[in-house]
Amino acid sequence: MNAPATHAHLQPGAPLRPVPEAFLDALRARFGAQCSTAQAVREQHGRDEGSIQAPPPSAVVFAESTQDVADAVRLAAQHGVPVIPYGAGSSLEGHLLAIQGGISIDVSRMNRLLRVDADDLTVTVQPGITRKQLNEAIKDTGLFFPIDPGADASIGGMAATRASGTNAVRYGTMRENVLALEVVTAAGEAIRTGTRAKKSAAGYDLTRLLVGSEGTLGVITEVTLRLYPLPEAVSAAICSFPSIEAAVRTVIQTIQLGVPIARVELIDANTVRMVNAHSKLGLREEPMLLMEFHGSPAGVQEQAETVQSLAQEWNGNAFEWATTPEERTRLWTARHNAYFAAVQSRSGCRAISTDTCVPISRLADCLLDSVAEADASGIPYFLVGHVGDGNFHFGYLIDPDSPAERQTAEALNHQLVARALSLGGTCTGEHGVGIHKMGFLLDETGPGAVAMMRAIKQALDPQNILNPGKIFAL
């Protein structure tokens, strides 16, 4: 394994590239008020929800069309200036930071729903539309888009980071649910990949290559997605357990029995306390599973009864059911606010987060050892997990002005990732590599695989202007 992450690991040493004044003049001439060099705007686009610090971009272009994106990238290519796509700014691993300088292309104004094909269960959207906006726009069709990473992320950003979330155990990730893309290349050319057909054997699968490429191979300007029928019945439940192991063993047995559970989230006792304080709830402050079942009324009842029986074998108690939309929203809002509840639990702190994923059979081993290490460290932390697919998140709450706390948190992160890899898992289940996990990617895949990724990047972006310094170094 590589050495534990340090400040140098967090902030690769590639120099800032100069941004010629002639280039900024060309941007202003082309985009007018859509181009901003105001300090406040640049700073907003120079940070995400993570803890890594970097200088802001030199300018922000607010794209309103594919042509806008293509023109901005073409101008940047002419001057050798980096471009960083920006959606909702909710990433955690430094994806949108201008660590080598350059400009930010904000696609949040490109938020239109372009086409709904209800009979084919597909929808085509611009990249700036968020998942909540999308589901609100299609609610009258009887369909929905299930991928839910927690934050109200943009669809383009979700595709770029191969996001998943709470529903992945049943509906999969963005990898399975993106059918086609429109992408602006490093040369400023708009290309299309994939079709609305459910499968294809035509040439290289460029769609899958671009999904998860974190803006390093192109700027996504259009996305075609799978949709799903709204379930006839939905029921949510919470159940408390005497230990994390008991909760995890319940999940493992649920998955191994083939129960088609839609969501199953683990929240540790620390996090339940934080959520109670933040969301004014009275949840039992014990390890908890938050579950959701989709299907017919009879199917939902059968699933729920099976899981309740399994939970009782592991001393699960205080089952509470939520069958109305309002009750379910209350529970899931509390879960989605767990990150913000944790950050607000320690004044002025920042979270160093991780999101490993392991085979479901090794989940308990990985979690329990990692919890023991975190408890022994004395660093406050929160733990949540989409444990139905073996994915979980630790967030270490550090004083950003304390090098000792940062070093301790990074060491914990390194130990956790190393453990996950040794158990056949991955260094990131859904956040992506960004800057923070570049060293871990090499540990996971080996130098040969990273060299192949690097060769693809150099072939498609020979000037290295597309979100440089992310995933791996050139």
Protein backbone atom coordinates (compact mmCIF):
# COMPACT_ATOMS: atom_id res chain seq x y z
CA MET A 1 0.00 0.00 0.00
CA ASN A 2 1.05 3.60 -0.54
CA ALA A 3 1.96 5.67 2.51
CA PRO A 4 -0.87 7.35 4.41
CA ALA A 5 -2.23 10.47 2.76
CA THR A 6 -0.55 13.78 3.63
CA HIS A 7 -1.09 17.39 2.68
CA ALA A 8 0.99 16.75 -0.42
CA HIS A 9 -1.29 13.83 -1.27
CA LEU A 10 -4.31 16.11 -0.97
CA GLN A 11 -2.84 18.91 -3.07
CA PRO A 12 -0.78 17.54 -5.98
CA GLY A 13 2.11 19.80 -6.88
CA ALA A 14 1.38 20.48 -10.56
CA PRO A 15 1.84 24.23 -11.08
CA LEU A 16 -0.96 26.65 -11.86
CA ARG A 17 -1.14 27.30 -15.57
CA PRO A 18 -1.20 30.91 -16.72
CA VAL A 19 -4.53 32.22 -17.97
CA PRO A 20 -3.73 34.79 -20.68
CA GLU A 21 -5.60 38.07 -20.55
CA ALA A 22 -6.29 37.61 -24.26
CA PHE A 23 -8.22 34.44 -23.41
CA LEU A 24 -10.31 36.23 -20.76
CA ASP A 25 -11.00 39.02 -23.26
CA ALA A 26 -12.17 36.41 -25.79
CA LEU A 27 -14.49 34.86 -23.17
CA ARG A 28 -15.98 38.25 -22.33
CA ALA A 29 -16.48 39.04 -26.00
CA ARG A 30 -18.25 35.72 -26.64
CA PHE A 31 -20.29 35.41 -23.44
CA GLY A 32 -20.82 38.92 -22.08
CA ALA A 33 -22.75 38.74 -18.81
CA GLN A 34 -22.56 34.93 -18.90
CA CYS A 35 -18.85 35.22 -18.02
CA SER A 36 -17.87 36.41 -14.55
CA THR A 37 -14.49 37.17 -13.02
CA ALA A 38 -15.98 38.49 -9.77
CA GLN A 39 -14.10 37.22 -6.73
CA ALA A 40 -17.22 35.98 -4.94
CA VAL A 41 -18.43 34.03 -7.97
CA ARG A 42 -15.00 32.51 -8.54
CA GLU A 43 -14.67 31.50 -4.89
CA GLN A 44 -18.11 29.86 -4.95
CA HIS A 45 -16.96 27.74 -7.88
CA GLY A 46 -13.61 26.95 -6.29
CA ARG A 47 -14.82 24.79 -3.42
CA ASP A 48 -16.98 21.75 -2.87
CA GLU A 49 -18.30 19.97 0.24
CA GLY A 50 -14.92 18.40 0.97
CA SER A 51 -12.02 19.70 3.05
CA ILE A 52 -9.41 20.30 0.33
CA GLN A 53 -8.37 23.91 -0.30
CA ALA A 54 -7.32 25.30 -3.70
CA PRO A 55 -7.24 28.67 -5.51
CA PRO A 56 -10.46 29.61 -7.30
CA PRO A 57 -10.77 29.50 -11.11
CA SER A 58 -9.86 32.63 -13.05
CA ALA A 59 -13.35 32.96 -14.53
CA VAL A 60 -16.75 31.28 -14.54
CA VAL A 61 -18.76 30.76 -17.73
CA PHE A 62 -22.49 30.17 -17.18
CA ALA A 63 -23.33 27.94 -20.14
CA GLU A 64 -26.90 27.92 -21.40
CA SER A 65 -26.53 25.55 -24.35
CA THR A 66 -24.30 22.88 -25.83
CA GLN A 67 -22.96 25.54 -28.20
CA ASP A 68 -21.92 27.66 -25.22
CA VAL A 69 -19.98 24.75 -23.76
CA ALA A 70 -18.39 23.92 -27.11
CA ASP A 71 -17.32 27.54 -27.68
CA ALA A 72 -15.85 27.86 -24.18
CA VAL A 73 -13.88 24.64 -24.52
CA ARG A 74 -12.69 25.58 -28.02
CA LEU A 75 -11.39 28.92 -26.77
CA ALA A 76 -9.71 27.20 -23.83
CA ALA A 77 -8.06 24.69 -26.17
CA GLN A 78 -6.70 27.49 -28.33
CA HIS A 79 -4.96 28.99 -25.27
CA GLY A 80 -4.14 25.75 -23.41
CA VAL A 81 -6.30 26.74 -20.43
CA PRO A 82 -7.90 24.09 -18.14
CA VAL A 83 -11.70 23.83 -17.97
CA ILE A 84 -13.56 22.35 -14.99
CA PRO A 85 -17.25 21.40 -15.32
CA TYR A 86 -19.47 22.57 -12.46
CA GLY A 87 -22.99 21.36 -11.64
CA ALA A 88 -24.36 21.68 -8.08
CA GLY A 89 -21.03 21.80 -6.24
CA SER A 90 -21.93 18.86 -3.97
CA SER A 91 -18.88 16.66 -4.63
CA LEU A 92 -16.66 15.58 -1.76
CA GLU A 93 -13.29 14.60 -3.25
CA GLY A 94 -12.16 17.86 -4.85
CA HIS A 95 -13.53 17.12 -8.32
CA LEU A 96 -14.32 20.73 -9.20
CA LEU A 97 -11.24 22.42 -7.72
CA ALA A 98 -9.07 24.42 -10.11
CA ILE A 99 -5.83 22.95 -8.78
CA GLN A 100 -3.98 23.79 -12.01
CA GLY A 101 -5.87 27.02 -12.64
CA GLY A 102 -8.28 27.60 -15.51
CA ILE A 103 -11.97 28.36 -15.77
CA SER A 104 -15.15 26.81 -14.45
CA ILE A 105 -17.99 25.97 -16.86
CA ASP A 106 -21.19 26.12 -14.82
CA VAL A 107 -23.98 24.11 -16.49
CA SER A 108 -26.63 24.75 -13.82
CA ARG A 109 -28.64 26.91 -16.24
CA MET A 110 -28.80 23.96 -18.65
CA ASN A 111 -31.57 22.37 -16.61
CA ARG A 112 -34.31 21.58 -19.12
CA LEU A 113 -36.11 18.30 -19.57
CA LEU A 114 -35.73 17.68 -23.31
CA ARG A 115 -37.77 14.56 -23.98
CA VAL A 116 -39.83 11.98 -22.10
CA ASP A 117 -40.49 8.63 -23.76
CA ALA A 118 -42.82 7.09 -21.24
CA ASP A 119 -43.53 4.01 -23.35
CA ASP A 120 -39.82 3.24 -23.51
CA LEU A 121 -39.15 4.25 -19.89
CA THR A 122 -36.52 6.82 -20.87
CA VAL A 123 -35.95 10.54 -20.44
CA THR A 124 -33.42 12.95 -21.96
CA VAL A 125 -32.28 15.95 -19.95
CA GLN A 126 -29.67 18.66 -19.86
CA PRO A 127 -26.89 18.14 -17.31
CA GLY A 128 -27.81 20.93 -14.90
CA ILE A 129 -31.20 19.52 -13.92
CA THR A 130 -31.09 18.05 -10.42
CA ARG A 131 -32.56 14.72 -9.44
CA LYS A 132 -35.37 16.42 -7.48
CA GLN A 133 -36.19 18.73 -10.38
CA LEU A 134 -36.28 15.74 -12.72
CA ASN A 135 -38.65 13.72 -10.57
CA GLU A 136 -40.89 16.74 -10.05
CA ALA A 137 -41.04 17.27 -13.83
CA ILE A 138 -42.04 13.66 -14.58
CA LYS A 139 -44.33 12.96 -11.60
CA ASP A 140 -47.45 12.99 -13.78
CA THR A 141 -46.11 10.17 -16.01
CA GLY A 142 -46.26 7.52 -13.29
CA LEU A 143 -42.49 7.09 -13.61
CA PHE A 144 -39.50 8.12 -11.53
CA PHE A 145 -35.71 8.22 -11.60
CA PRO A 146 -34.48 6.29 -8.56
CA ILE A 147 -30.80 7.16 -8.18
CA ASP A 148 -30.54 9.14 -4.94
CA PRO A 149 -27.06 10.11 -3.72
CA GLY A 150 -28.50 12.14 -0.86
CA ALA A 151 -27.57 15.62 -2.02
CA ASP A 152 -29.76 17.22 -4.67
CA ALA A 153 -26.96 16.72 -7.17
CA SER A 154 -27.11 17.58 -10.86
CA ILE A 155 -27.70 14.72 -13.28
CA GLY A 156 -24.56 15.67 -15.22
CA GLY A 157 -22.47 15.55 -12.07
CA MET A 158 -24.03 12.24 -11.05
CA ALA A 159 -23.13 10.76 -14.43
CA ALA A 160 -19.60 12.20 -14.29
CA THR A 161 -18.93 10.61 -10.89
CA ARG A 162 -20.87 7.37 -11.51
CA ALA A 163 -23.02 8.16 -8.48
CA SER A 164 -25.43 5.82 -6.75
CA GLY A 165 -26.93 6.15 -3.28
CA THR A 166 -29.70 4.83 -1.12
CA ASN A 167 -31.65 3.00 -3.86
CA ALA A 168 -28.67 1.29 -5.50
CA VAL A 169 -29.31 -2.08 -3.87
CA ARG A 170 -32.42 -2.44 -6.05
CA TYR A 171 -32.02 -0.03 -8.97
CA GLY A 172 -28.27 0.02 -9.52
CA THR A 173 -25.98 3.02 -10.09
CA MET A 174 -25.59 5.64 -12.80
CA ARG A 175 -23.53 3.08 -14.71
CA GLU A 176 -26.63 0.93 -15.24
CA ASN A 177 -29.03 3.83 -15.75
CA VAL A 178 -27.32 6.12 -18.28
CA LEU A 179 -28.20 5.01 -21.81
CA ALA A 180 -26.73 7.81 -23.93
CA LEU A 181 -24.79 11.05 -23.68
CA GLU A 182 -23.96 14.19 -25.58
CA VAL A 183 -20.44 15.30 -24.67
CA VAL A 184 -18.17 18.17 -25.70
CA THR A 185 -14.66 16.87 -26.33
CA ALA A 186 -11.34 18.56 -25.57
CA ALA A 187 -11.37 19.96 -29.11
CA GLY A 188 -14.73 21.67 -28.54
CA GLU A 189 -16.70 19.18 -30.66
CA ALA A 190 -20.08 17.86 -29.51
CA ILE A 191 -20.42 14.09 -29.98
CA ARG A 192 -23.13 11.58 -29.08
CA THR A 193 -22.67 8.17 -27.50
CA GLY A 194 -25.25 5.42 -27.04
CA THR A 195 -28.92 5.34 -27.98
CA ARG A 196 -32.30 4.94 -26.29
CA ALA A 197 -32.20 1.21 -27.03
CA LYS A 198 -31.75 -1.01 -23.99
CA LYS A 199 -28.63 -2.65 -25.40
CA SER A 200 -26.10 -2.34 -28.19
CA ALA A 201 -23.02 -4.17 -29.51
CA ALA A 202 -21.93 -1.32 -31.79
CA GLY A 203 -18.27 -0.48 -31.24
CA TYR A 204 -16.59 0.69 -28.06
CA ASP A 205 -18.94 1.50 -25.19
CA LEU A 206 -18.08 5.18 -25.01
CA THR A 207 -21.03 5.91 -22.74
CA ARG A 208 -19.64 3.65 -20.02
CA LEU A 209 -16.18 5.15 -20.55
CA LEU A 210 -17.49 8.66 -19.96
CA VAL A 211 -19.75 7.77 -17.02
CA GLY A 212 -17.40 8.06 -14.06
CA SER A 213 -14.66 9.93 -15.92
CA GLU A 214 -15.12 12.96 -13.59
CA GLY A 215 -14.94 15.56 -16.37
CA THR A 216 -11.48 14.45 -17.49
CA LEU A 217 -12.57 13.17 -20.92
CA GLY A 218 -15.36 15.56 -21.88
CA VAL A 219 -18.05 17.94 -20.65
CA ILE A 220 -21.47 16.29 -20.49
CA THR A 221 -24.19 18.40 -22.13
CA GLU A 222 -27.06 15.91 -22.44
CA VAL A 223 -28.02 12.67 -20.66
CA THR A 224 -30.54 9.94 -21.56
CA LEU A 225 -31.65 7.93 -18.53
CA ARG A 226 -33.70 4.86 -17.68
CA LEU A 227 -36.92 5.49 -15.78
CA TYR A 228 -38.94 3.12 -13.61
CA PRO A 229 -42.66 2.81 -12.82
CA LEU A 230 -43.62 4.27 -9.48
CA PRO A 231 -44.20 1.31 -7.15
CA GLU A 232 -47.79 0.48 -6.34
CA ALA A 233 -46.99 0.36 -2.65
CA VAL A 234 -44.12 1.80 -0.60
CA SER A 235 -43.44 1.17 3.05
CA ALA A 236 -40.55 2.37 5.20
CA ALA A 237 -39.43 1.12 8.57
CA ILE A 238 -36.77 1.80 11.18
CA CYS A 239 -35.36 -0.76 13.55
CA SER A 240 -32.84 -0.29 16.36
CA PHE A 241 -30.19 -2.85 17.33
CA PRO A 242 -27.96 -3.44 20.34
CA SER A 243 -24.83 -3.30 18.18
CA ILE A 244 -23.59 -2.43 14.70
CA GLU A 245 -22.75 -6.10 14.16
CA ALA A 246 -26.35 -7.14 14.81
CA ALA A 247 -27.64 -4.58 12.32
CA VAL A 248 -25.12 -5.59 9.66
CA ARG A 249 -25.78 -9.31 10.11
CA THR A 250 -29.47 -8.62 9.55
CA VAL A 251 -28.65 -6.87 6.27
CA ILE A 252 -26.33 -9.64 5.10
CA GLN A 253 -29.01 -12.28 5.67
CA THR A 254 -31.63 -10.11 3.97
CA ILE A 255 -29.52 -9.80 0.82
CA GLN A 256 -28.43 -13.43 0.81
CA LEU A 257 -32.08 -14.52 1.05
CA GLY A 258 -32.83 -12.48 -2.08
CA VAL A 259 -35.33 -10.12 -0.47
CA PRO A 260 -35.78 -7.33 -3.08
CA ILE A 261 -35.46 -4.53 -0.55
CA ALA A 262 -35.34 -1.08 -2.17
CA ARG A 263 -33.27 0.74 0.44
CA VAL A 264 -31.46 -0.28 3.59
CA GLU A 265 -29.37 2.31 5.41
CA LEU A 266 -27.22 1.89 8.48
CA ILE A 267 -26.85 4.81 10.90
CA ASP A 268 -24.60 4.36 13.93
CA ALA A 269 -25.48 5.64 17.39
CA ASN A 270 -23.19 8.70 17.07
CA THR A 271 -24.98 9.77 13.94
CA VAL A 272 -28.45 9.13 15.37
CA ARG A 273 -27.60 11.55 18.18
CA MET A 274 -26.45 14.16 15.67
CA VAL A 275 -29.57 13.68 13.53
CA ASN A 276 -31.85 13.96 16.56
CA ALA A 277 -30.27 17.27 17.51
CA HIS A 278 -30.30 18.65 13.95
CA SER A 279 -33.76 17.47 12.84
CA LYS A 280 -35.53 17.69 16.23
CA LEU A 281 -36.33 13.98 16.26
CA GLY A 282 -36.58 11.44 19.07
CA LEU A 283 -35.04 8.37 17.48
CA ARG A 284 -33.55 5.72 19.78
CA GLU A 285 -29.85 6.51 20.03
CA GLU A 286 -28.67 3.06 19.04
CA PRO A 287 -27.39 1.60 15.76
CA MET A 288 -30.32 1.75 13.38
CA LEU A 289 -31.45 0.40 10.03
CA LEU A 290 -33.70 2.56 7.89
CA MET A 291 -35.43 0.43 5.26
CA GLU A 292 -37.83 0.86 2.37
CA PHE A 293 -39.85 -1.72 0.45
CA HIS A 294 -41.34 -1.24 -3.06
CA GLY A 295 -43.85 -3.40 -4.94
CA SER A 296 -47.42 -4.59 -4.73
CA PRO A 297 -49.18 -4.30 -1.36
CA ALA A 298 -48.87 -8.04 -0.81
CA GLY A 299 -45.24 -8.09 -1.93
CA VAL A 300 -44.29 -5.20 0.30
CA GLN A 301 -45.94 -6.83 3.28
CA GLU A 302 -44.16 -10.12 2.63
CA GLN A 303 -40.77 -8.40 2.28
CA ALA A 304 -41.27 -6.38 5.43
CA GLU A 305 -42.36 -9.38 7.49
CA THR A 306 -39.33 -11.38 6.33
CA VAL A 307 -36.91 -8.61 7.30
CA GLN A 308 -38.64 -8.03 10.62
CA SER A 309 -38.29 -11.72 11.43
CA LEU A 310 -34.58 -11.64 10.54
CA ALA A 311 -34.07 -8.54 12.67
CA GLN A 312 -35.68 -10.18 15.67
CA GLU A 313 -33.12 -13.00 15.46
CA TRP A 314 -30.44 -10.34 16.00
CA ASN A 315 -32.37 -8.61 18.81
CA GLY A 316 -33.67 -5.84 16.59
CA ASN A 317 -36.41 -3.92 18.33
CA ALA A 318 -38.61 -0.85 18.19
CA PHE A 319 -39.76 -1.48 14.63
CA GLU A 320 -41.60 1.63 13.47
CA TRP A 321 -43.49 1.72 10.18
CA ALA A 322 -44.02 4.71 7.93
CA THR A 323 -46.54 4.12 5.16
CA THR A 324 -47.69 7.66 4.38
CA PRO A 325 -45.58 9.90 2.12
CA GLU A 326 -45.24 12.45 4.92
CA GLU A 327 -43.87 9.90 7.40
CA ARG A 328 -41.44 8.46 4.85
CA THR A 329 -40.26 11.94 3.88
CA ARG A 330 -39.59 12.77 7.52
CA LEU A 331 -37.39 9.70 7.95
CA TRP A 332 -35.49 10.05 4.69
CA THR A 333 -34.99 13.78 5.15
CA ALA A 334 -33.32 13.04 8.46
CA ARG A 335 -31.06 10.47 6.76
CA HIS A 336 -30.16 12.83 3.92
CA ASN A 337 -29.33 15.55 6.43
CA ALA A 338 -26.94 13.29 8.34
CA TYR A 339 -23.86 14.90 6.77
CA PHE A 340 -25.00 18.41 7.67
CA ALA A 341 -26.10 17.26 11.12
CA ALA A 342 -22.63 15.86 11.71
CA VAL A 343 -20.79 18.95 10.50
CA GLN A 344 -22.96 21.19 12.68
CA SER A 345 -22.32 18.98 15.71
CA ARG A 346 -18.79 20.40 16.01
CA SER A 347 -18.49 24.13 15.46
CA GLY A 348 -16.11 25.12 12.67
CA CYS A 349 -15.19 21.56 11.73
CA ARG A 350 -14.71 20.05 8.28
CA ALA A 351 -15.40 16.44 7.37
CA ILE A 352 -12.85 14.14 5.83
CA SER A 353 -15.07 11.48 4.35
CA THR A 354 -14.60 8.12 2.73
CA ASP A 355 -16.93 5.71 1.00
CA THR A 356 -15.47 2.27 0.60
CA CYS A 357 -17.51 -0.65 -0.67
CA VAL A 358 -16.85 -4.35 0.01
CA PRO A 359 -18.49 -7.65 -0.89
CA ILE A 360 -21.56 -8.02 1.27
CA SER A 361 -20.15 -11.10 3.04
CA ARG A 362 -17.19 -9.05 4.35
CA LEU A 363 -19.16 -5.98 5.40
CA ALA A 364 -19.24 -6.77 9.12
CA ASP A 365 -15.50 -7.49 9.23
CA CYS A 366 -14.65 -4.20 7.54
CA LEU A 367 -17.07 -2.07 9.53
CA LEU A 368 -16.35 -3.40 13.00
CA ASP A 369 -12.57 -3.04 12.75
CA SER A 370 -12.94 0.45 11.30
CA VAL A 371 -15.32 1.51 14.09
CA ALA A 372 -12.86 0.25 16.70
CA GLU A 373 -10.04 2.28 15.13
CA ALA A 374 -12.18 5.42 14.95
CA ASP A 375 -13.31 5.06 18.57
CA ALA A 376 -9.71 4.63 19.74
CA SER A 377 -8.53 7.72 17.85
CA GLY A 378 -10.67 10.20 19.79
CA ILE A 379 -11.66 11.97 16.55
CA PRO A 380 -15.43 12.62 16.39
CA TYR A 381 -16.99 10.83 13.44
CA PHE A 382 -20.24 9.81 11.82
CA LEU A 383 -21.09 6.55 10.07
CA VAL A 384 -23.82 5.96 7.53
CA GLY A 385 -24.03 3.28 4.90
CA HIS A 386 -25.99 2.01 1.92
CA VAL A 387 -25.20 -1.35 3.42
CA GLY A 388 -27.45 -3.38 1.13
CA ASP A 389 -24.68 -3.24 -1.47
CA GLY A 390 -21.73 -3.19 0.92
CA ASN A 391 -21.13 0.57 0.69
CA PHE A 392 -20.60 2.76 3.76
CA HIS A 393 -19.34 6.24 4.65
CA PHE A 394 -17.21 7.43 7.54
CA GLY A 395 -16.85 11.14 8.11
CA TYR A 396 -14.07 12.26 10.44
CA LEU A 397 -14.88 15.67 11.93
CA ILE A 398 -11.65 17.64 12.25
CA ASP A 399 -10.56 21.11 13.21
CA PRO A 400 -9.29 22.38 9.85
CA ASP A 401 -6.58 24.38 11.64
CA SER A 402 -5.19 21.33 13.43
CA PRO A 403 -2.53 19.46 11.41
CA ALA A 404 -2.52 16.71 14.05
CA GLU A 405 -6.24 16.05 13.67
CA ARG A 406 -6.00 16.05 9.89
CA GLN A 407 -3.10 13.61 10.03
CA THR A 408 -5.04 11.31 12.38
CA ALA A 409 -8.13 11.40 10.17
CA GLU A 410 -6.14 10.71 7.02
CA ALA A 411 -4.42 7.78 8.75
CA LEU A 412 -7.83 6.37 9.73
CA ASN A 413 -9.02 6.84 6.16
CA HIS A 414 -5.95 5.06 4.82
CA GLN A 415 -6.38 2.12 7.20
CA LEU A 416 -10.04 1.80 6.28
CA VAL A 417 -9.35 1.82 2.52
CA ALA A 418 -6.49 -0.64 2.90
CA ARG A 419 -8.80 -2.96 4.82
CA ALA A 420 -11.53 -2.68 2.18
CA LEU A 421 -9.06 -3.48 -0.61
CA SER A 422 -7.70 -6.47 1.28
CA LEU A 423 -11.27 -7.80 1.52
CA GLY A 424 -11.88 -7.53 -2.23
CA GLY A 425 -13.50 -4.10 -2.11
CA THR A 426 -12.91 -0.69 -3.65
CA CYS A 427 -11.50 2.62 -2.42
CA THR A 428 -14.64 4.48 -3.48
CA GLY A 429 -18.15 3.13 -3.89
CA GLU A 430 -19.72 6.32 -5.21
CA HIS A 431 -17.87 9.56 -4.40
CA GLY A 432 -15.25 9.03 -7.10
CA VAL A 433 -11.48 9.51 -7.01
CA GLY A 434 -11.10 13.26 -7.55
CA ILE A 435 -7.93 14.44 -5.84
CA HIS A 436 -8.26 12.74 -2.48
CA LYS A 437 -8.12 9.11 -3.63
CA MET A 438 -5.55 9.23 -6.42
CA GLY A 439 -3.05 7.16 -4.44
CA PHE A 440 -5.72 4.66 -3.43
CA LEU A 441 -6.70 4.13 -7.08
CA LEU A 442 -3.17 2.95 -7.78
CA ASP A 443 -3.36 0.57 -4.81
CA GLU A 444 -6.65 -0.83 -6.07
CA THR A 445 -6.03 -1.23 -9.78
CA GLY A 446 -2.24 -1.46 -10.06
CA PRO A 447 0.13 0.57 -12.26
CA GLY A 448 -0.82 -1.23 -15.48
CA ALA A 449 -4.48 -0.29 -15.27
CA VAL A 450 -3.69 3.31 -14.32
CA ALA A 451 -1.28 3.49 -17.27
CA MET A 452 -4.11 2.39 -19.56
CA MET A 453 -6.39 5.08 -18.12
CA ARG A 454 -3.62 7.63 -18.60
CA ALA A 455 -3.17 6.56 -22.23
CA ILE A 456 -6.88 7.05 -22.90
CA LYS A 457 -6.76 10.50 -21.30
CA GLN A 458 -3.73 11.54 -23.36
CA ALA A 459 -5.33 10.30 -26.57
CA LEU A 460 -8.61 12.14 -26.01
CA ASP A 461 -7.20 15.25 -24.31
CA PRO A 462 -3.61 15.73 -25.52
CA GLN A 463 -3.32 19.21 -23.95
CA ASN A 464 -4.67 17.93 -20.62
CA ILE A 465 -7.16 20.78 -20.32
CA LEU A 466 -10.18 18.78 -19.15
CA ASN A 467 -10.27 18.86 -15.32
CA PRO A 468 -6.53 18.17 -15.00
CA GLY A 469 -5.02 16.71 -11.85
CA LYS A 470 -8.00 14.48 -11.07
CA ILE A 471 -8.09 10.64 -10.86
CA PHE A 472 -4.36 10.31 -11.68
CA ALA A 473 -1.41 12.57 -12.39
CA LEU A 474 -0.01 13.05 -15.89
